[in-house]
């Protein structure tokens, strides 16, 4: 999981998971140029309409929550290690995402 967070393009992913990450990245960074071809690209990897809908909903909710947190100046809890940091083990009692 941490490898995906650090750089999903270098992670060992199936073609379908790679397509989903590409779709999500485009949706989050370049919202306006999304087209039916983007949706068809996911369908060609076996995603049905419900799965595509769920992916878009999760990406949209995440974007909303990030903007709310940024707008309110929310800082992450100091006891939670940020995703993508080196090492995946937690010290005893340490919470990790």
Protein backbone atom coordinates (compact mmCIF):
# COMPACT_ATOMS: atom_id res chain seq x y z
CA UNK A 1 0.00 0.00 0.00
CA UNK A 2 2.77 2.44 0.88
CA UNK A 3 4.44 1.77 -2.48
CA UNK A 4 1.22 2.79 -4.22
CA UNK A 5 0.99 5.98 -2.17
CA UNK A 6 4.63 6.90 -2.81
CA UNK A 7 4.36 6.35 -6.57
CA UNK A 8 1.64 4.11 -8.00
CA UNK A 9 3.29 4.21 -11.43
CA UNK A 10 6.23 2.20 -10.04
CA UNK A 11 4.08 -0.21 -7.98
CA UNK A 12 3.39 -3.77 -9.07
CA UNK A 13 -0.22 -3.43 -10.21
CA UNK A 14 -2.50 -5.36 -12.52
CA UNK A 15 -3.43 -3.66 -15.79
CA UNK A 16 -6.93 -3.02 -14.39
CA UNK A 17 -5.59 -1.41 -11.19
CA UNK A 18 -3.14 0.68 -13.22
CA UNK A 19 -6.03 1.88 -15.45
CA UNK A 20 -8.07 2.76 -12.35
CA UNK A 21 -5.16 4.75 -10.87
CA UNK A 22 -4.67 6.56 -14.19
CA UNK A 23 -8.39 7.40 -14.33
CA UNK A 24 -8.39 8.64 -10.71
CA UNK A 25 -5.28 10.73 -11.26
CA UNK A 26 -6.79 12.37 -14.33
CA UNK A 27 -10.08 12.96 -12.54
CA UNK A 28 -8.40 14.56 -9.52
CA UNK A 29 -5.88 16.71 -11.41
CA UNK A 30 -7.53 17.51 -14.76
CA UNK A 31 -11.27 17.38 -14.12
CA UNK A 32 -12.50 19.18 -17.24
CA UNK A 33 -11.01 16.94 -19.95
CA UNK A 34 -12.70 13.74 -18.67
CA UNK A 35 -14.55 12.09 -21.55
CA UNK A 36 -16.60 9.04 -22.34
CA UNK A 37 -13.36 7.49 -23.62
CA UNK A 38 -12.01 7.60 -20.06
CA UNK A 39 -15.01 5.63 -18.85
CA UNK A 40 -14.73 3.21 -21.76
CA UNK A 41 -11.08 2.68 -20.86
CA UNK A 42 -12.15 1.38 -17.45
CA UNK A 43 -14.87 -0.77 -18.99
CA UNK A 44 -12.27 -2.35 -21.26
CA UNK A 45 -10.48 -3.52 -18.09
CA UNK A 46 -13.62 -5.16 -16.72
CA UNK A 47 -15.05 -2.37 -14.57
CA UNK A 48 -18.84 -2.13 -14.70
CA UNK A 49 -20.92 1.02 -14.29
CA UNK A 50 -21.32 0.48 -10.53
CA UNK A 51 -17.55 0.15 -10.01
CA UNK A 52 -16.85 3.24 -12.12
CA UNK A 53 -19.52 5.17 -10.23
CA UNK A 54 -17.96 4.11 -6.91
CA UNK A 55 -14.49 5.16 -8.07
CA UNK A 56 -15.74 8.61 -9.08
CA UNK A 57 -17.67 8.99 -5.81
CA UNK A 58 -14.63 8.05 -3.69
CA UNK A 59 -12.36 10.41 -5.64
CA UNK A 60 -14.89 13.22 -5.36
CA UNK A 61 -15.40 12.70 -1.62
CA UNK A 62 -11.65 12.59 -1.03
CA UNK A 63 -11.19 15.83 -2.98
CA UNK A 64 -13.96 17.48 -0.96
CA UNK A 65 -12.48 16.42 2.39
CA UNK A 66 -8.99 17.57 1.39
CA UNK A 67 -10.34 21.00 0.42
CA UNK A 68 -12.33 21.30 3.66
CA UNK A 69 -9.29 20.34 5.75
CA UNK A 70 -7.03 22.72 3.82
CA UNK A 71 -9.59 25.51 4.05
CA UNK A 72 -9.81 25.12 7.82
CA UNK A 73 -6.06 24.74 8.29
CA UNK A 74 -6.41 21.26 9.79
CA UNK A 75 -3.07 19.66 10.60
CA UNK A 76 -2.64 15.88 10.73
CA UNK A 77 -2.33 14.29 14.16
CA UNK A 78 1.32 14.04 15.17
CA UNK A 79 0.98 10.36 16.18
CA UNK A 80 -0.12 9.27 12.70
CA UNK A 81 2.66 8.61 10.20
CA UNK A 82 1.97 10.13 6.78
CA UNK A 83 1.26 7.67 3.97
CA UNK A 84 4.28 6.96 1.82
CA UNK A 85 6.88 7.51 4.51
CA UNK A 86 9.69 4.99 4.55
CA UNK A 87 8.97 1.84 6.50
CA UNK A 88 5.61 0.28 7.10
CA UNK A 89 6.05 -1.06 10.61
CA UNK A 90 4.62 0.83 13.54
CA UNK A 91 6.14 1.20 16.96
CA UNK A 92 4.12 -0.35 19.74
CA UNK A 93 1.00 1.73 20.32
CA UNK A 94 1.60 3.89 17.22
CA UNK A 95 -1.35 4.29 14.89
CA UNK A 96 -0.79 4.14 11.15
CA UNK A 97 -3.24 4.76 8.33
